Amino acid sequence: MERAILAIDEGTTNSKAVLVSQTGEILASGASPVPTQYPQPGWVQQDANAIWAATQSAIKACIAARPDVQVSAIGISNQRESVLIWDRATGAPLGPVVTWQCHRTSAACEALKAAGHEPEVIARTGLPIDPMFPPTKAAWLLKHHASAPDICIGTVDSWLIWNLSGGAVHATDRSNAARTQLFNLAQGTWDDDLCALFGVAKSMLPEVHDSAHVFGTTKGAGVLPDGIPIASAIGDSHAALFGHGAFHPGDGKITFGTGSSVMTTVPDFIVPPKGITTTIAWSLNGQSTYAFEGNILVSASILPWTQALLGLPSVDALMDLAQTVDDSMGVTLVPAHVGLGAPHWNAEARGLISGLTFGAGPAHVARAAVESIPFQVRDVFAIMAQAAGGIGRVSVDGGPSRNRFLMGLVADMLNHPVTPARSTEASALGAAHLAGLATGLWPDLKALSQLESRDADIAPQMAPTQRAQRQSAWHKAIARSILDV
């Protein structure tokens, strides 16, 4: 019977399960939706039991597709900054999973910033004070739902490890711990001062281990036999970076989706320059690899919005229309529909279309919408390249990465080649590769590098003067989107 790693990719909207062979081939997959609740404006939450049920359903579908395959180990990648609390004695969730998108703690964050705490928090964690990150959300959960004497606090990976192990293990890895804003990146431990600042007891937090680590074994998981090693955990964006083989300083990746995650590896912890964050990418053999990251709030989601605005039947039709003109004729679209993310971080900015003339038509607006994606990526990479001293190989993944016209524009704006991955499951592959390292399926990073499956590089073609003109127009439009508020 063929052996494979079962990778669980627990996203915000879907739970996926993927079987990965020793040659790196995806043998089967399964998926199940995860419902999201919006109880008040700005509040976004999920049900912890629904997440576990969706995970079980995805695993069941995946294994049913290949009953001839034996699961040798389990790897987990997960939505990152979402947080929950549960009763350590019963395993019952206490309150909702407060997701990374939730803004219910905006006032608490503003109060902490007004009190002058943000510089020290950034120096210790690489992250700004923002409702996206878990500590104020954990404090909110403890205030409103702490109805048990012994409580566990964790991100979604910890919840899955707890359930897969039958409640025997409360643990996480360093990449997920780094996103909690309670973990001191330089010291590699939970930070007493940060826990006190945010009102979170260290005793409630999970044990922290390497990303490739046997956390425990399955017990009573329902859809899996007992005794399978739970052998990796890692945040989903970090998993994609690892799955791309970004093992050298400066190597990076762009994940395109509703928003975009831009990451590049750096060898040591560096307090991040303004506009981006520093995080732990992964940890192997007690050694952390760090990364710069920039999160873009509106990326590919601008395409269906513009498609509807122009009355087109599909996003494909929008992309086709954009390619009928050589440039946008000075039209610029800033997709600040929910504010601006990295590197501007202005929640009050709003979207705009500028540079309209009577010569501009729907095709130019379509082109401006498409170009807004690489413009935003370039702004993030410019800061990373200066701080890190250069950029290495840039891999791209996510659905939009399959469009060569769009990826050509990304290469043009970066003035740097981009390399599409053939697999659309970069996060699952990263989790599987780490689990394989922990259990000896692969001996080292060199062996993993030989599994890479990539399309040819897409090289920049745009003339320098044209690139400079377009970027100048973009930056003027960005300024208007902020100043017009």
Protein backbone atom coordinates (compact mmCIF):
# COMPACT_ATOMS: atom_id res chain seq x y z
CA MET A 1 0.00 0.00 0.00
CA GLU A 2 1.38 3.44 -0.99
CA ARG A 3 2.16 5.78 1.89
CA ALA A 4 1.46 9.51 1.83
CA ILE A 5 1.28 12.61 4.00
CA LEU A 6 -2.20 13.96 4.75
CA ALA A 7 -2.03 17.77 4.66
CA ILE A 8 -4.88 19.71 6.25
CA ASP A 9 -5.17 23.23 4.84
CA GLU A 10 -7.63 25.01 7.11
CA GLY A 11 -8.55 28.25 5.33
CA THR A 12 -11.04 30.96 6.18
CA THR A 13 -13.77 29.76 3.82
CA ASN A 14 -12.87 26.10 3.25
CA SER A 15 -11.19 23.21 4.95
CA LYS A 16 -9.08 21.14 2.54
CA ALA A 17 -7.37 17.81 2.90
CA VAL A 18 -4.68 16.72 0.44
CA LEU A 19 -2.73 13.47 0.11
CA VAL A 20 0.89 14.07 -0.95
CA SER A 21 3.13 11.23 -2.14
CA GLN A 22 6.84 10.77 -1.48
CA THR A 23 7.54 12.17 -4.96
CA GLY A 24 5.58 15.32 -4.11
CA GLU A 25 2.58 14.38 -6.23
CA ILE A 26 -0.93 15.27 -5.08
CA LEU A 27 -2.80 11.96 -5.04
CA ALA A 28 -6.24 13.13 -3.88
CA SER A 29 -8.00 16.02 -2.22
CA GLY A 30 -11.22 16.84 -0.45
CA ALA A 31 -12.84 20.07 0.70
CA SER A 32 -15.68 21.27 2.86
CA PRO A 33 -16.96 24.83 3.40
CA VAL A 34 -16.56 26.64 6.72
CA PRO A 35 -19.48 28.98 7.49
CA THR A 36 -18.75 32.55 8.59
CA GLN A 37 -21.00 34.70 10.78
CA TYR A 38 -21.32 38.50 10.80
CA PRO A 39 -23.29 39.28 13.99
CA GLN A 40 -22.58 43.03 13.94
CA PRO A 41 -20.94 45.47 11.51
CA GLY A 42 -17.21 44.80 11.61
CA TRP A 43 -17.60 41.54 13.57
CA VAL A 44 -16.52 38.34 11.83
CA GLN A 45 -16.60 34.98 13.57
CA GLN A 46 -16.86 31.24 13.05
CA ASP A 47 -17.98 28.24 15.07
CA ALA A 48 -15.12 26.11 16.38
CA ASN A 49 -17.14 22.90 16.16
CA ALA A 50 -18.07 23.74 12.57
CA ILE A 51 -14.38 24.13 11.73
CA TRP A 52 -13.61 20.71 13.19
CA ALA A 53 -16.63 19.15 11.41
CA ALA A 54 -15.52 20.66 8.09
CA THR A 55 -12.01 19.32 8.66
CA GLN A 56 -13.37 15.83 9.32
CA SER A 57 -15.54 16.03 6.22
CA ALA A 58 -12.61 17.12 4.03
CA ILE A 59 -10.41 14.33 5.39
CA LYS A 60 -13.13 11.75 4.81
CA ALA A 61 -13.64 12.85 1.19
CA CYS A 62 -9.90 12.89 0.51
CA ILE A 63 -9.25 9.42 1.92
CA ALA A 64 -12.31 8.00 0.17
CA ALA A 65 -10.84 9.11 -3.16
CA ARG A 66 -7.72 6.97 -2.56
CA PRO A 67 -8.53 4.09 -0.20
CA ASP A 68 -5.38 2.32 -1.41
CA VAL A 69 -3.17 4.96 0.25
CA GLN A 70 -1.96 4.71 3.85
CA VAL A 71 -1.61 7.97 5.79
CA SER A 72 1.85 7.98 7.38
CA ALA A 73 1.70 11.45 8.98
CA ILE A 74 -0.42 14.59 9.18
CA GLY A 75 0.60 18.19 8.47
CA ILE A 76 -1.46 21.29 9.22
CA SER A 77 -1.55 24.72 7.61
CA ASN A 78 -4.11 27.17 8.91
CA GLN A 79 -5.68 30.60 8.75
CA ARG A 80 -3.45 32.50 11.06
CA GLU A 81 -4.68 35.27 13.35
CA SER A 82 -8.09 33.76 14.13
CA VAL A 83 -8.31 32.83 17.82
CA LEU A 84 -10.57 30.88 20.19
CA ILE A 85 -10.78 29.66 23.77
CA TRP A 86 -12.00 26.31 25.06
CA ASP A 87 -12.49 24.36 28.29
CA ARG A 88 -9.36 22.31 28.94
CA ALA A 89 -11.37 19.73 30.93
CA THR A 90 -14.14 19.08 28.39
CA GLY A 91 -12.71 20.41 25.12
CA ALA A 92 -15.89 22.45 24.61
CA PRO A 93 -15.42 25.81 22.83
CA LEU A 94 -16.13 28.89 24.95
CA GLY A 95 -17.50 31.51 22.60
CA PRO A 96 -16.83 31.93 18.88
CA VAL A 97 -13.68 31.79 16.83
CA VAL A 98 -12.90 35.49 16.37
CA THR A 99 -11.37 35.61 12.90
CA TRP A 100 -8.47 37.60 11.54
CA GLN A 101 -10.96 39.79 9.63
CA CYS A 102 -12.82 40.87 12.77
CA HIS A 103 -12.61 44.47 13.98
CA ARG A 104 -14.52 44.19 17.26
CA THR A 105 -11.43 45.20 19.23
CA SER A 106 -10.62 48.35 17.23
CA ALA A 107 -11.29 50.63 20.21
CA ALA A 108 -9.07 48.54 22.49
CA CYS A 109 -6.26 48.73 19.93
CA GLU A 110 -6.60 52.49 19.59
CA ALA A 111 -6.44 52.87 23.35
CA LEU A 112 -3.22 50.84 23.53
CA LYS A 113 -1.67 52.91 20.76
CA ALA A 114 -2.76 56.14 22.41
CA ALA A 115 -1.05 54.97 25.59
CA GLY A 116 2.20 54.67 23.65
CA HIS A 117 2.59 50.87 23.66
CA GLU A 118 2.95 50.25 19.92
CA PRO A 119 6.71 50.88 19.42
CA GLU A 120 7.64 48.35 22.10
CA VAL A 121 5.12 45.81 20.77
CA ILE A 122 6.60 46.12 17.28
CA ALA A 123 10.15 45.81 18.64
CA ARG A 124 9.26 42.53 20.38
CA THR A 125 6.86 40.96 17.87
CA GLY A 126 7.44 42.61 14.49
CA LEU A 127 3.71 43.43 14.37
CA PRO A 128 1.77 46.68 14.85
CA ILE A 129 -1.15 46.94 17.25
CA ASP A 130 -4.15 46.19 15.08
CA PRO A 131 -7.48 44.33 15.55
CA MET A 132 -6.28 41.81 12.96
CA PHE A 133 -3.92 40.27 15.53
CA PRO A 134 -5.09 37.93 18.33
CA PRO A 135 -4.20 39.41 21.74
CA THR A 136 -7.01 41.94 22.06
CA LYS A 137 -9.40 39.34 20.64
CA ALA A 138 -8.24 36.77 23.19
CA ALA A 139 -8.77 39.36 25.93
CA TRP A 140 -12.29 40.03 24.59
CA LEU A 141 -13.08 36.31 24.62
CA LEU A 142 -11.80 35.95 28.18
CA LYS A 143 -13.87 38.93 29.31
CA HIS A 144 -17.11 37.74 27.70
CA HIS A 145 -16.85 33.93 27.59
CA ALA A 146 -14.46 32.72 30.32
CA SER A 147 -16.98 30.34 31.93
CA ALA A 148 -14.55 27.52 32.85
CA PRO A 149 -11.85 27.34 35.54
CA ASP A 150 -9.16 25.96 33.21
CA ILE A 151 -9.03 27.54 29.76
CA CYS A 152 -6.98 26.94 26.61
CA ILE A 153 -6.29 29.79 24.20
CA GLY A 154 -5.17 28.95 20.72
CA THR A 155 -5.13 29.69 17.03
CA VAL A 156 -6.84 27.28 14.65
CA ASP A 157 -3.82 24.97 14.36
CA SER A 158 -3.91 24.44 18.13
CA TRP A 159 -7.63 23.63 17.95
CA LEU A 160 -7.02 21.02 15.25
CA ILE A 161 -4.07 19.47 17.12
CA TRP A 162 -6.23 19.31 20.26
CA ASN A 163 -9.05 17.52 18.43
CA LEU A 164 -6.83 15.21 16.38
CA SER A 165 -5.04 14.12 19.55
CA GLY A 166 -8.24 13.57 21.51
CA GLY A 167 -7.50 16.50 23.80
CA ALA A 168 -4.06 15.22 24.77
CA VAL A 169 -2.01 18.06 23.26
CA HIS A 170 -2.31 21.85 23.47
CA ALA A 171 0.47 23.11 21.20
CA THR A 172 1.39 25.33 18.30
CA ASP A 173 4.44 26.06 16.16
CA ARG A 174 6.64 29.14 16.11
CA SER A 175 5.13 30.56 12.90
CA ASN A 176 1.66 30.65 14.43
CA ALA A 177 2.95 31.78 17.82
CA ALA A 178 4.66 34.67 16.04
CA ARG A 179 1.28 35.89 14.77
CA THR A 180 -0.31 36.04 18.23
CA GLN A 181 1.59 39.21 19.23
CA LEU A 182 2.33 37.53 22.56
CA PHE A 183 5.53 35.81 21.37
CA ASN A 184 8.90 37.54 21.60
CA LEU A 185 10.57 36.88 18.24
CA ALA A 186 14.09 37.67 19.37
CA GLN A 187 13.87 35.50 22.51
CA GLY A 188 11.69 32.76 20.99
CA THR A 189 9.34 32.55 24.00
CA TRP A 190 6.00 33.80 25.24
CA ASP A 191 6.61 37.32 26.51
CA ASP A 192 5.63 38.03 30.16
CA ASP A 193 5.28 41.77 29.60
CA LEU A 194 3.10 41.37 26.51
CA CYS A 195 0.88 38.84 28.26
CA ALA A 196 0.45 41.32 31.11
CA LEU A 197 -0.23 44.20 28.72
CA PHE A 198 -2.99 42.36 26.90
CA GLY A 199 -4.37 40.51 29.93
CA VAL A 200 -3.66 36.95 28.79
CA ALA A 201 -2.32 34.35 31.23
CA LYS A 202 0.66 32.37 29.94
CA SER A 203 -0.78 29.21 31.50
CA MET A 204 -3.60 29.29 28.94
CA LEU A 205 -1.28 29.43 25.94
CA PRO A 206 -0.05 26.39 23.99
CA GLU A 207 3.39 24.83 24.10
CA VAL A 208 5.52 26.09 21.22
CA HIS A 209 7.54 23.76 18.99
CA ASP A 210 9.25 23.65 15.60
CA SER A 211 7.06 23.71 12.51
CA ALA A 212 8.34 20.22 11.66
CA HIS A 213 7.65 18.39 14.92
CA VAL A 214 5.66 15.36 16.06
CA PHE A 215 3.15 17.14 18.31
CA GLY A 216 1.36 13.91 19.18
CA THR A 217 -0.64 11.14 17.54
CA THR A 218 -4.25 10.81 16.50
CA LYS A 219 -6.73 9.51 19.02
CA GLY A 220 -10.50 9.36 18.59
CA ALA A 221 -10.47 11.67 15.56
CA GLY A 222 -13.33 9.75 13.98
CA VAL A 223 -12.15 9.80 10.38
CA LEU A 224 -8.58 8.56 10.99
CA PRO A 225 -7.08 5.57 12.78
CA ASP A 226 -5.41 6.18 16.11
CA GLY A 227 -1.64 6.48 16.26
CA ILE A 228 -0.88 8.61 13.16
CA PRO A 229 1.81 11.24 13.91
CA ILE A 230 0.63 14.86 13.85
CA ALA A 231 3.92 16.05 12.44
CA SER A 232 3.71 19.69 11.38
CA ALA A 233 1.88 22.94 11.95
CA ILE A 234 2.43 26.24 10.16
CA GLY A 235 0.48 29.35 9.16
CA ASP A 236 -0.95 29.13 5.65
CA SER A 237 1.06 31.96 4.08
CA HIS A 238 4.23 30.61 5.69
CA ALA A 239 3.38 27.12 4.42
CA ALA A 240 3.08 28.45 0.87
CA LEU A 241 6.50 30.11 1.20
CA PHE A 242 7.98 26.82 2.39
CA GLY A 243 6.15 24.88 -0.32
CA HIS A 244 7.78 27.12 -2.92
CA GLY A 245 11.21 26.17 -1.62
CA ALA A 246 12.09 29.73 -0.57
CA PHE A 247 15.02 28.48 1.45
CA HIS A 248 17.54 31.22 0.64
CA PRO A 249 17.55 34.74 2.13
CA GLY A 250 15.63 37.10 -0.15
CA ASP A 251 13.51 34.37 -1.78
CA GLY A 252 9.88 35.38 -1.76
CA LYS A 253 6.37 34.57 -2.83
CA ILE A 254 3.15 36.35 -3.67
CA THR A 255 -0.13 34.62 -2.95
CA PHE A 256 -2.91 36.21 -5.00
CA GLY A 257 -6.48 35.96 -3.81
CA THR A 258 -9.13 38.28 -2.41
CA GLY A 259 -6.15 40.13 -0.99
CA SER A 260 -2.50 39.29 -1.45
CA SER A 261 0.23 38.10 0.92
CA VAL A 262 3.76 39.12 -0.03
CA MET A 263 6.63 37.46 1.86
CA THR A 264 10.41 37.29 1.59
CA THR A 265 12.77 35.33 3.82
CA VAL A 266 15.42 37.03 5.95
CA PRO A 267 18.07 35.21 8.02
CA ASP A 268 17.60 37.08 11.30
CA PHE A 269 14.94 38.98 13.21
CA ILE A 270 14.84 42.56 11.94
CA VAL A 271 12.52 45.17 13.41
CA PRO A 272 10.37 45.86 10.35
CA PRO A 273 10.53 49.11 8.43
CA LYS A 274 7.30 51.10 8.37
CA GLY A 275 4.60 49.55 6.20
CA ILE A 276 5.48 45.86 6.54
CA THR A 277 5.84 43.31 9.33
CA THR A 278 8.44 40.79 10.44
CA THR A 279 7.41 37.27 11.34
CA ILE A 280 8.80 33.78 11.83
CA ALA A 281 8.43 31.97 8.52
CA TRP A 282 9.07 28.51 10.00
CA SER A 283 11.27 26.75 12.54
CA LEU A 284 13.43 23.65 11.97
CA ASN A 285 15.71 21.94 14.48
CA GLY A 286 15.23 24.78 16.94
CA GLN A 287 16.29 27.41 14.40
CA SER A 288 13.80 29.99 13.15
CA THR A 289 13.78 31.41 9.63
CA TYR A 290 12.29 34.91 9.55
CA ALA A 291 10.36 36.75 6.88
CA PHE A 292 9.14 40.18 5.93
CA GLU A 293 5.46 40.29 5.08
CA GLY A 294 3.05 42.75 3.56
CA ASN A 295 -0.69 42.11 3.47
CA ILE A 296 -2.66 43.77 0.65
CA LEU A 297 -6.35 44.04 1.51
CA VAL A 298 -7.92 44.24 -1.96
CA SER A 299 -6.18 42.38 -4.76
CA ALA A 300 -8.02 40.05 -7.16
CA SER A 301 -11.35 41.02 -5.57
CA ILE A 302 -11.16 44.27 -7.55
CA LEU A 303 -11.68 42.28 -10.76
CA PRO A 304 -15.28 41.09 -10.25
CA TRP A 305 -16.17 44.54 -8.88
CA THR A 306 -14.85 46.22 -12.03
CA GLN A 307 -16.47 43.56 -14.21
CA ALA A 308 -19.87 44.41 -12.69
CA LEU A 309 -19.17 48.15 -12.93
CA LEU A 310 -18.51 47.82 -16.66
CA GLY A 311 -21.44 45.44 -17.24
CA LEU A 312 -19.23 42.58 -18.44
CA PRO A 313 -20.33 38.95 -18.23
CA SER A 314 -17.24 37.58 -16.43
CA VAL A 315 -13.80 38.33 -15.06
CA ASP A 316 -12.36 36.55 -18.10
CA ALA A 317 -14.16 39.10 -20.27
CA LEU A 318 -12.63 41.89 -18.17
CA MET A 319 -9.14 40.44 -18.63
CA ASP A 320 -9.69 40.11 -22.37
CA LEU A 321 -10.90 43.72 -22.58
CA ALA A 322 -7.87 44.97 -20.64
CA GLN A 323 -5.56 43.37 -23.18
CA THR A 324 -7.13 45.24 -26.12
CA VAL A 325 -5.20 48.41 -25.15
CA ASP A 326 -1.47 48.88 -24.64
CA ASP A 327 -1.86 51.07 -21.56
CA SER A 328 -4.53 52.68 -19.40
CA MET A 329 -4.22 56.10 -21.11
CA GLY A 330 -3.45 57.71 -17.76
CA VAL A 331 -6.38 56.12 -15.93
CA THR A 332 -5.53 54.81 -12.45
CA LEU A 333 -7.77 52.76 -10.18
CA VAL A 334 -6.93 52.58 -6.48
CA PRO A 335 -8.78 49.64 -4.88
CA ALA A 336 -9.00 51.15 -1.39
CA HIS A 337 -12.58 49.92 -1.02
CA VAL A 338 -11.95 48.79 2.58
CA GLY A 339 -8.98 51.07 3.19
CA LEU A 340 -5.37 50.45 2.24
CA GLY A 341 -3.19 47.66 3.63
CA ALA A 342 0.56 47.34 3.29
CA PRO A 343 2.56 49.46 3.01
CA HIS A 344 0.18 52.40 3.58
CA TRP A 345 -2.06 51.02 6.36
CA ASN A 346 -4.76 53.66 6.15
CA ALA A 347 -8.16 52.30 7.18
CA GLU A 348 -9.96 55.47 6.13
CA ALA A 349 -8.66 55.62 2.53
CA ARG A 350 -11.28 54.95 -0.13
CA GLY A 351 -11.16 53.68 -3.68
CA LEU A 352 -11.04 56.02 -6.64
CA ILE A 353 -10.61 56.17 -10.40
CA SER A 354 -8.49 59.10 -11.57
CA GLY A 355 -7.03 60.41 -14.80
CA LEU A 356 -10.23 60.13 -16.85
CA THR A 357 -10.42 61.95 -20.18
CA PHE A 358 -12.85 61.75 -23.10
CA GLY A 359 -10.33 59.51 -24.82
CA ALA A 360 -10.53 56.89 -22.08
CA GLY A 361 -13.04 54.09 -22.39
CA PRO A 362 -14.06 50.85 -20.67
CA ALA A 363 -10.91 49.06 -21.86
CA HIS A 364 -8.71 51.64 -20.12
CA VAL A 365 -10.67 51.31 -16.87
CA ALA A 366 -10.37 47.51 -17.16
CA ARG A 367 -6.63 47.81 -17.68
CA ALA A 368 -6.32 50.19 -14.71
CA ALA A 369 -8.13 47.66 -12.49
CA VAL A 370 -5.78 44.86 -13.54
CA GLU A 371 -2.70 47.07 -13.10
CA SER A 372 -3.74 47.98 -9.54
CA ILE A 373 -2.71 44.47 -8.46
CA PRO A 374 0.96 44.65 -9.56
CA PHE A 375 1.22 48.30 -8.47
CA GLN A 376 0.36 47.32 -4.90
CA VAL A 377 2.74 44.36 -4.93
CA ARG A 378 5.55 46.57 -6.17
CA ASP A 379 5.04 49.07 -3.34
CA VAL A 380 5.53 46.27 -0.79
CA PHE A 381 8.52 44.71 -2.54
CA ALA A 382 10.28 48.07 -2.81
CA ILE A 383 10.40 48.33 0.99
CA MET A 384 11.42 44.70 1.43
CA ALA A 385 14.23 44.92 -1.13
CA GLN A 386 15.70 48.01 0.53
CA ALA A 387 15.52 46.52 4.03
CA ALA A 388 16.76 43.06 3.06
CA GLY A 389 19.41 44.19 0.59
CA GLY A 390 17.80 42.55 -2.42
CA ILE A 391 15.23 40.03 -3.63
CA GLY A 392 15.89 36.47 -4.79
CA ARG A 393 13.51 34.15 -6.62
CA VAL A 394 9.89 35.34 -6.51
CA SER A 395 7.29 32.58 -6.73
CA VAL A 396 3.59 33.25 -7.34
CA ASP A 397 0.55 31.18 -6.43
CA GLY A 398 -3.22 31.48 -6.08
CA GLY A 399 -5.82 31.42 -8.84
CA PRO A 400 -4.83 34.73 -10.49
CA SER A 401 -1.24 33.48 -10.86
CA ARG A 402 -2.44 31.27 -13.72
CA ASN A 403 -3.10 34.35 -15.87
CA ARG A 404 0.11 35.06 -17.77
CA PHE A 405 -1.01 38.57 -18.80
CA LEU A 406 -1.42 39.57 -15.16
CA MET A 407 1.81 37.87 -14.09
CA GLY A 408 3.61 39.64 -16.94
CA LEU A 409 2.44 42.96 -15.49
CA VAL A 410 3.67 41.87 -12.05
CA ALA A 411 7.11 41.10 -13.50
CA ASP A 412 7.07 44.43 -15.35
CA MET A 413 6.26 46.47 -12.25
CA LEU A 414 8.77 44.60 -10.06
CA ASN A 415 11.37 44.68 -12.83
CA HIS A 416 12.09 41.14 -11.66
CA PRO A 417 11.14 37.69 -13.02
CA VAL A 418 8.29 35.80 -11.34
CA THR A 419 7.93 32.02 -11.27
CA PRO A 420 4.45 30.44 -11.27
CA ALA A 421 4.00 27.20 -9.33
CA ARG A 422 2.26 24.40 -11.21
CA SER A 423 0.35 23.26 -8.15
CA THR A 424 -2.44 25.41 -6.76
CA GLU A 425 -1.98 23.79 -3.32
CA ALA A 426 1.19 25.56 -2.16
CA SER A 427 0.07 25.78 1.48
CA ALA A 428 -0.88 22.11 1.66
CA LEU A 429 2.42 21.10 0.04
CA GLY A 430 4.37 23.19 2.54
CA ALA A 431 2.62 21.53 5.48
CA ALA A 432 3.15 18.09 3.93
CA HIS A 433 6.84 18.75 3.31
CA LEU A 434 7.36 19.79 6.93
CA ALA A 435 5.53 16.69 8.20
CA GLY A 436 7.70 14.56 5.91
CA LEU A 437 10.83 16.14 7.36
CA ALA A 438 9.63 15.45 10.91
CA THR A 439 8.96 11.77 10.17
CA GLY A 440 11.93 11.06 7.89
CA LEU A 441 10.05 10.76 4.60
CA TRP A 442 12.47 13.35 3.22
CA PRO A 443 15.92 13.81 4.76
CA ASP A 444 16.55 17.51 4.24
CA LEU A 445 15.74 20.72 2.37
CA LYS A 446 17.86 19.63 -0.61
CA ALA A 447 15.59 16.63 -1.12
CA LEU A 448 12.52 18.88 -0.93
CA SER A 449 14.01 21.26 -3.50
CA GLN A 450 14.11 18.38 -5.98
CA LEU A 451 10.32 18.00 -5.69
CA GLU A 452 9.62 21.50 -7.00
CA SER A 453 7.30 21.71 -9.99
CA ARG A 454 7.42 25.10 -11.66
CA ASP A 455 6.48 26.81 -14.87
CA ALA A 456 9.07 28.88 -16.72
CA ASP A 457 10.02 32.28 -15.36
CA ILE A 458 8.05 35.26 -16.65
CA ALA A 459 10.56 38.04 -17.30
CA PRO A 460 9.88 41.80 -17.30
CA GLN A 461 9.39 43.41 -20.69
CA MET A 462 8.41 47.02 -19.90
CA ALA A 463 10.76 49.88 -20.74
CA PRO A 464 12.18 51.70 -17.68
CA THR A 465 10.72 55.09 -18.67
CA GLN A 466 7.25 53.60 -19.11
CA ARG A 467 7.50 51.84 -15.74
CA ALA A 468 8.54 55.05 -14.01
CA GLN A 469 5.67 57.04 -15.59
CA ARG A 470 3.07 54.51 -14.53
CA GLN A 471 4.40 54.24 -11.00
CA SER A 472 4.42 58.03 -10.68
CA ALA A 473 0.76 58.22 -11.71
CA TRP A 474 -0.07 55.41 -9.28
CA HIS A 475 1.57 57.14 -6.32
CA LYS A 476 -0.25 60.39 -7.07
CA ALA A 477 -3.54 58.47 -7.11
CA ILE A 478 -2.67 56.74 -3.82
CA ALA A 479 -2.08 60.16 -2.24
CA ARG A 480 -5.49 61.34 -3.46
CA SER A 481 -7.23 58.26 -2.07
CA ILE A 482 -5.85 59.15 1.38
CA LEU A 483 -6.12 62.94 1.23
CA ASP A 484 -9.68 62.92 -0.14
CA VAL A 485 -10.97 61.27 3.05
